[in-house]
Amino acid sequence: IQVELALVGKQRHLRERIEEELLRMAQEMLTNSLRHGKARWVRVVLQFEGGQVRLSVEDDGLGFDPAAKVAGYGMRSIRETLKQLRGHLEIDSSLGLGSRITITLPIRRWRP
């Protein structure tokens, strides 16, 4: 599988919980791209912009219907976590055309 990683914007330190949750959500989305989507390439972008951080995972996999009821635990867990963190989830996917899932979280400046 081909993987592209990109960091956009001025990197900032995040609260430990935000870092951990972003890592877990990225792992889940990558697992879904490989296991369910059968993707051949995946692009992961971490973007810092203003008072938010955005994680986007895009693939060329099988895609899915975002309106269909999600049976797996992973996406439900992501949605629940985003509610707690006041985040936002965008899903852009179509059968046969791959997927792009974007998570946006508000961040506060972290001071050591």
N, C-alpha and C. Protein backbone atom coordinates (compact mmCIF):
# COMPACT_ATOMS: atom_id res chain seq x y z
N ILE A 1 0.85 -1.18 0.00
CA ILE A 1 0.00 0.00 0.00
C ILE A 1 0.89 1.24 0.00
N GLN A 2 0.46 2.25 -0.73
CA GLN A 2 1.16 3.53 -0.77
C GLN A 2 0.53 4.46 0.25
N VAL A 3 1.35 5.07 1.09
CA VAL A 3 0.85 5.97 2.12
C VAL A 3 1.52 7.33 1.97
N GLU A 4 0.72 8.36 1.96
CA GLU A 4 1.23 9.73 1.93
C GLU A 4 0.86 10.40 3.25
N LEU A 5 1.83 11.09 3.84
CA LEU A 5 1.60 11.81 5.09
C LEU A 5 1.94 13.27 4.85
N ALA A 6 1.12 14.18 5.38
CA ALA A 6 1.40 15.60 5.24
C ALA A 6 1.04 16.33 6.52
N LEU A 7 1.86 17.32 6.85
CA LEU A 7 1.61 18.21 7.96
C LEU A 7 1.47 19.60 7.36
N VAL A 8 0.33 20.26 7.64
CA VAL A 8 0.04 21.56 7.05
C VAL A 8 -0.13 22.57 8.17
N GLY A 9 0.46 23.74 8.01
CA GLY A 9 0.34 24.79 9.00
C GLY A 9 1.44 24.69 10.04
N LYS A 10 1.44 25.63 10.95
CA LYS A 10 2.44 25.67 12.00
C LYS A 10 2.07 24.67 13.09
N GLN A 11 2.92 23.66 13.25
CA GLN A 11 2.66 22.62 14.24
C GLN A 11 2.66 23.23 15.64
N ARG A 12 1.71 22.77 16.46
CA ARG A 12 1.61 23.22 17.84
C ARG A 12 1.51 22.03 18.77
N HIS A 13 1.92 22.26 20.00
CA HIS A 13 1.72 21.23 21.02
C HIS A 13 0.24 21.18 21.35
N LEU A 14 -0.27 19.97 21.51
CA LEU A 14 -1.67 19.77 21.86
C LEU A 14 -1.76 19.17 23.25
N ARG A 15 -2.91 19.33 23.86
CA ARG A 15 -3.13 18.65 25.13
C ARG A 15 -2.96 17.15 24.90
N GLU A 16 -2.45 16.48 25.92
CA GLU A 16 -2.16 15.05 25.80
C GLU A 16 -3.39 14.26 25.36
N ARG A 17 -4.54 14.58 25.91
CA ARG A 17 -5.76 13.84 25.55
C ARG A 17 -6.09 14.00 24.07
N ILE A 18 -5.93 15.22 23.55
CA ILE A 18 -6.20 15.46 22.12
C ILE A 18 -5.24 14.64 21.26
N GLU A 19 -3.96 14.65 21.62
CA GLU A 19 -2.98 13.86 20.87
C GLU A 19 -3.33 12.38 20.87
N GLU A 20 -3.67 11.85 22.03
CA GLU A 20 -4.02 10.43 22.14
C GLU A 20 -5.25 10.09 21.32
N GLU A 21 -6.27 10.93 21.41
CA GLU A 21 -7.51 10.65 20.67
C GLU A 21 -7.30 10.77 19.16
N LEU A 22 -6.53 11.75 18.72
CA LEU A 22 -6.22 11.86 17.29
C LEU A 22 -5.50 10.62 16.79
N LEU A 23 -4.55 10.13 17.58
CA LEU A 23 -3.83 8.91 17.20
C LEU A 23 -4.79 7.73 17.09
N ARG A 24 -5.65 7.55 18.08
CA ARG A 24 -6.61 6.43 18.05
C ARG A 24 -7.56 6.53 16.86
N MET A 25 -8.04 7.74 16.59
CA MET A 25 -8.97 7.91 15.47
C MET A 25 -8.26 7.67 14.14
N ALA A 26 -7.01 8.13 14.02
CA ALA A 26 -6.24 7.87 12.79
C ALA A 26 -6.03 6.38 12.60
N GLN A 27 -5.70 5.67 13.67
CA GLN A 27 -5.51 4.22 13.59
C GLN A 27 -6.79 3.54 13.11
N GLU A 28 -7.92 3.95 13.65
CA GLU A 28 -9.19 3.35 13.27
C GLU A 28 -9.50 3.61 11.80
N MET A 29 -9.30 4.84 11.37
CA MET A 29 -9.60 5.17 9.97
C MET A 29 -8.67 4.44 9.01
N LEU A 30 -7.39 4.31 9.36
CA LEU A 30 -6.46 3.56 8.51
C LEU A 30 -6.82 2.09 8.46
N THR A 31 -7.19 1.53 9.60
CA THR A 31 -7.62 0.14 9.65
C THR A 31 -8.83 -0.07 8.75
N ASN A 32 -9.80 0.84 8.82
CA ASN A 32 -10.99 0.72 7.97
C ASN A 32 -10.64 0.82 6.49
N SER A 33 -9.71 1.73 6.14
CA SER A 33 -9.30 1.86 4.74
C SER A 33 -8.72 0.56 4.22
N LEU A 34 -7.90 -0.09 5.04
CA LEU A 34 -7.25 -1.32 4.61
C LEU A 34 -8.17 -2.53 4.67
N ARG A 35 -8.82 -2.72 5.81
CA ARG A 35 -9.61 -3.92 6.04
C ARG A 35 -10.91 -3.93 5.24
N HIS A 36 -11.65 -2.85 5.32
CA HIS A 36 -12.96 -2.82 4.68
C HIS A 36 -12.92 -2.20 3.28
N GLY A 37 -12.09 -1.18 3.11
CA GLY A 37 -12.03 -0.48 1.83
C GLY A 37 -11.12 -1.12 0.81
N LYS A 38 -10.22 -1.99 1.27
CA LYS A 38 -9.25 -2.64 0.38
C LYS A 38 -8.45 -1.60 -0.41
N ALA A 39 -8.09 -0.51 0.24
CA ALA A 39 -7.40 0.60 -0.41
C ALA A 39 -6.01 0.21 -0.87
N ARG A 40 -5.56 0.84 -1.98
CA ARG A 40 -4.20 0.67 -2.48
C ARG A 40 -3.34 1.87 -2.10
N TRP A 41 -3.97 3.02 -1.87
CA TRP A 41 -3.23 4.18 -1.36
C TRP A 41 -4.09 4.92 -0.34
N VAL A 42 -3.39 5.56 0.59
CA VAL A 42 -4.04 6.32 1.64
C VAL A 42 -3.24 7.61 1.84
N ARG A 43 -3.95 8.71 2.00
CA ARG A 43 -3.32 10.00 2.28
C ARG A 43 -3.82 10.47 3.64
N VAL A 44 -2.89 10.78 4.54
CA VAL A 44 -3.22 11.29 5.87
C VAL A 44 -2.68 12.71 5.97
N VAL A 45 -3.56 13.64 6.32
CA VAL A 45 -3.15 15.04 6.46
C VAL A 45 -3.52 15.52 7.85
N LEU A 46 -2.55 16.11 8.54
CA LEU A 46 -2.79 16.75 9.83
C LEU A 46 -2.56 18.24 9.60
N GLN A 47 -3.62 19.03 9.82
CA GLN A 47 -3.57 20.45 9.50
C GLN A 47 -3.88 21.29 10.73
N PHE A 48 -2.99 22.24 10.99
CA PHE A 48 -3.19 23.21 12.07
C PHE A 48 -3.63 24.51 11.43
N GLU A 49 -4.78 25.02 11.87
CA GLU A 49 -5.29 26.25 11.28
C GLU A 49 -6.11 26.99 12.33
N GLY A 50 -5.70 28.21 12.64
CA GLY A 50 -6.42 28.99 13.63
C GLY A 50 -6.49 28.24 14.95
N GLY A 51 -7.68 28.15 15.49
CA GLY A 51 -7.89 27.49 16.77
C GLY A 51 -8.35 26.06 16.64
N GLN A 52 -7.94 25.39 15.56
CA GLN A 52 -8.37 24.00 15.39
C GLN A 52 -7.29 23.16 14.74
N VAL A 53 -7.44 21.86 14.90
CA VAL A 53 -6.60 20.89 14.23
C VAL A 53 -7.53 19.97 13.43
N ARG A 54 -7.09 19.63 12.24
CA ARG A 54 -7.92 18.81 11.35
C ARG A 54 -7.11 17.59 10.92
N LEU A 55 -7.72 16.41 11.05
CA LEU A 55 -7.14 15.15 10.61
C LEU A 55 -8.00 14.62 9.48
N SER A 56 -7.37 14.37 8.34
CA SER A 56 -8.10 13.86 7.18
C SER A 56 -7.43 12.59 6.68
N VAL A 57 -8.23 11.56 6.45
CA VAL A 57 -7.74 10.30 5.89
C VAL A 57 -8.55 10.03 4.62
N GLU A 58 -7.84 9.96 3.51
CA GLU A 58 -8.47 9.75 2.21
C GLU A 58 -7.89 8.50 1.58
N ASP A 59 -8.73 7.71 0.89
CA ASP A 59 -8.23 6.49 0.25
C ASP A 59 -8.92 6.25 -1.08
N ASP A 60 -8.38 5.30 -1.82
CA ASP A 60 -8.94 4.91 -3.12
C ASP A 60 -9.68 3.57 -3.01
N GLY A 61 -10.18 3.29 -1.83
CA GLY A 61 -10.83 1.99 -1.58
C GLY A 61 -12.21 1.85 -2.18
N LEU A 62 -12.93 0.86 -1.68
CA LEU A 62 -14.24 0.51 -2.20
C LEU A 62 -15.31 1.55 -1.89
N GLY A 63 -15.06 2.39 -0.89
CA GLY A 63 -16.07 3.38 -0.50
C GLY A 63 -17.24 2.72 0.21
N PHE A 64 -18.14 3.57 0.69
CA PHE A 64 -19.32 3.08 1.39
C PHE A 64 -20.38 4.16 1.37
N ASP A 65 -21.56 3.80 1.78
CA ASP A 65 -22.66 4.75 1.86
C ASP A 65 -22.66 5.39 3.24
N PRO A 66 -22.31 6.67 3.36
CA PRO A 66 -22.25 7.32 4.68
C PRO A 66 -23.61 7.36 5.39
N ALA A 67 -24.70 7.27 4.64
CA ALA A 67 -26.03 7.31 5.25
C ALA A 67 -26.45 5.96 5.83
N ALA A 68 -25.74 4.89 5.44
CA ALA A 68 -26.08 3.56 5.94
C ALA A 68 -25.73 3.48 7.42
N LYS A 69 -26.48 2.67 8.13
CA LYS A 69 -26.22 2.47 9.55
C LYS A 69 -24.85 1.82 9.73
N VAL A 70 -24.03 2.42 10.58
CA VAL A 70 -22.68 1.91 10.82
C VAL A 70 -22.76 0.77 11.82
N ALA A 71 -22.27 -0.39 11.39
CA ALA A 71 -22.36 -1.57 12.24
C ALA A 71 -21.15 -1.71 13.16
N GLY A 72 -20.03 -1.13 12.77
CA GLY A 72 -18.80 -1.33 13.53
C GLY A 72 -18.69 -0.42 14.75
N TYR A 73 -17.90 -0.88 15.68
CA TYR A 73 -17.68 -0.14 16.92
C TYR A 73 -16.80 1.08 16.69
N GLY A 74 -15.85 0.99 15.77
CA GLY A 74 -14.85 2.03 15.57
C GLY A 74 -15.42 3.40 15.25
N MET A 75 -16.27 3.49 14.25
CA MET A 75 -16.83 4.79 13.87
C MET A 75 -17.78 5.32 14.95
N ARG A 76 -18.49 4.42 15.61
CA ARG A 76 -19.35 4.87 16.73
C ARG A 76 -18.49 5.48 17.83
N SER A 77 -17.37 4.84 18.10
CA SER A 77 -16.46 5.33 19.12
C SER A 77 -15.90 6.71 18.74
N ILE A 78 -15.55 6.88 17.49
CA ILE A 78 -15.06 8.17 17.01
C ILE A 78 -16.12 9.25 17.20
N ARG A 79 -17.35 8.93 16.83
CA ARG A 79 -18.44 9.91 16.99
C ARG A 79 -18.65 10.30 18.46
N GLU A 80 -18.61 9.33 19.34
CA GLU A 80 -18.79 9.59 20.78
C GLU A 80 -17.66 10.45 21.32
N THR A 81 -16.44 10.14 20.93
CA THR A 81 -15.29 10.92 21.37
C THR A 81 -15.38 12.35 20.88
N LEU A 82 -15.80 12.52 19.63
CA LEU A 82 -15.91 13.87 19.08
C LEU A 82 -16.98 14.69 19.80
N LYS A 83 -18.05 14.06 20.25
CA LYS A 83 -19.05 14.78 21.04
C LYS A 83 -18.43 15.30 22.33
N GLN A 84 -17.64 14.47 22.99
CA GLN A 84 -17.00 14.87 24.25
C GLN A 84 -16.01 16.01 24.04
N LEU A 85 -15.31 15.99 22.91
CA LEU A 85 -14.26 16.97 22.64
C LEU A 85 -14.76 18.17 21.83
N ARG A 86 -16.08 18.18 21.56
CA ARG A 86 -16.69 19.26 20.77
C ARG A 86 -16.10 19.34 19.36
N GLY A 87 -15.86 18.16 18.81
CA GLY A 87 -15.29 18.07 17.47
C GLY A 87 -16.37 17.85 16.42
N HIS A 88 -15.91 17.76 15.19
CA HIS A 88 -16.81 17.63 14.04
C HIS A 88 -16.28 16.54 13.11
N LEU A 89 -17.19 15.77 12.52
CA LEU A 89 -16.85 14.69 11.61
C LEU A 89 -17.50 14.94 10.26
N GLU A 90 -16.71 14.83 9.19
CA GLU A 90 -17.23 14.91 7.83
C GLU A 90 -16.85 13.62 7.10
N ILE A 91 -17.82 13.03 6.43
CA ILE A 91 -17.57 11.81 5.67
C ILE A 91 -17.97 12.06 4.23
N ASP A 92 -17.02 11.84 3.33
CA ASP A 92 -17.28 11.97 1.90
C ASP A 92 -16.89 10.63 1.28
N SER A 93 -17.89 9.85 0.88
CA SER A 93 -17.62 8.53 0.33
C SER A 93 -18.75 8.11 -0.60
N SER A 94 -18.37 7.35 -1.60
CA SER A 94 -19.34 6.77 -2.53
C SER A 94 -18.87 5.37 -2.87
N LEU A 95 -19.82 4.48 -3.06
CA LEU A 95 -19.46 3.11 -3.42
C LEU A 95 -18.59 3.11 -4.67
N GLY A 96 -17.44 2.46 -4.59
CA GLY A 96 -16.52 2.34 -5.71
C GLY A 96 -15.61 3.53 -5.92
N LEU A 97 -15.77 4.60 -5.14
CA LEU A 97 -14.99 5.82 -5.38
C LEU A 97 -14.12 6.24 -4.20
N GLY A 98 -13.92 5.38 -3.25
CA GLY A 98 -13.05 5.70 -2.13
C GLY A 98 -13.76 6.54 -1.08
N SER A 99 -12.95 7.01 -0.11
CA SER A 99 -13.50 7.73 1.03
C SER A 99 -12.55 8.82 1.48
N ARG A 100 -13.13 9.86 2.06
CA ARG A 100 -12.35 10.87 2.78
C ARG A 100 -13.11 11.17 4.06
N ILE A 101 -12.45 10.95 5.17
CA ILE A 101 -13.04 11.23 6.48
C ILE A 101 -12.19 12.30 7.13
N THR A 102 -12.85 13.36 7.59
CA THR A 102 -12.15 14.49 8.18
C THR A 102 -12.69 14.75 9.58
N ILE A 103 -11.78 14.88 10.50
CA ILE A 103 -12.10 15.18 11.90
C ILE A 103 -11.53 16.56 12.21
N THR A 104 -12.34 17.42 12.79
CA THR A 104 -11.89 18.74 13.18
C THR A 104 -12.12 18.91 14.68
N LEU A 105 -11.07 19.34 15.37
CA LEU A 105 -11.15 19.53 16.82
C LEU A 105 -10.69 20.94 17.18
N PRO A 106 -11.41 21.58 18.11
CA PRO A 106 -10.93 22.87 18.60
C PRO A 106 -9.72 22.62 19.51
N ILE A 107 -8.77 23.54 19.46
CA ILE A 107 -7.59 23.40 20.32
C ILE A 107 -7.36 24.70 21.06
N ARG A 108 -6.80 24.57 22.23
CA ARG A 108 -6.35 25.71 23.00
C ARG A 108 -4.84 25.67 23.02
N ARG A 109 -4.24 26.81 23.11
CA ARG A 109 -2.78 26.84 23.18
C ARG A 109 -2.31 26.10 24.42
N TRP A 110 -1.30 25.29 24.24
CA TRP A 110 -0.72 24.53 25.33
C TRP A 110 0.57 25.19 25.73
N ARG A 111 0.76 25.41 27.00
CA ARG A 111 1.99 26.03 27.49
C ARG A 111 2.67 25.06 28.45
N PRO A 112 3.96 24.79 28.20
CA PRO A 112 4.70 23.86 29.08
C PRO A 112 4.90 24.43 30.47
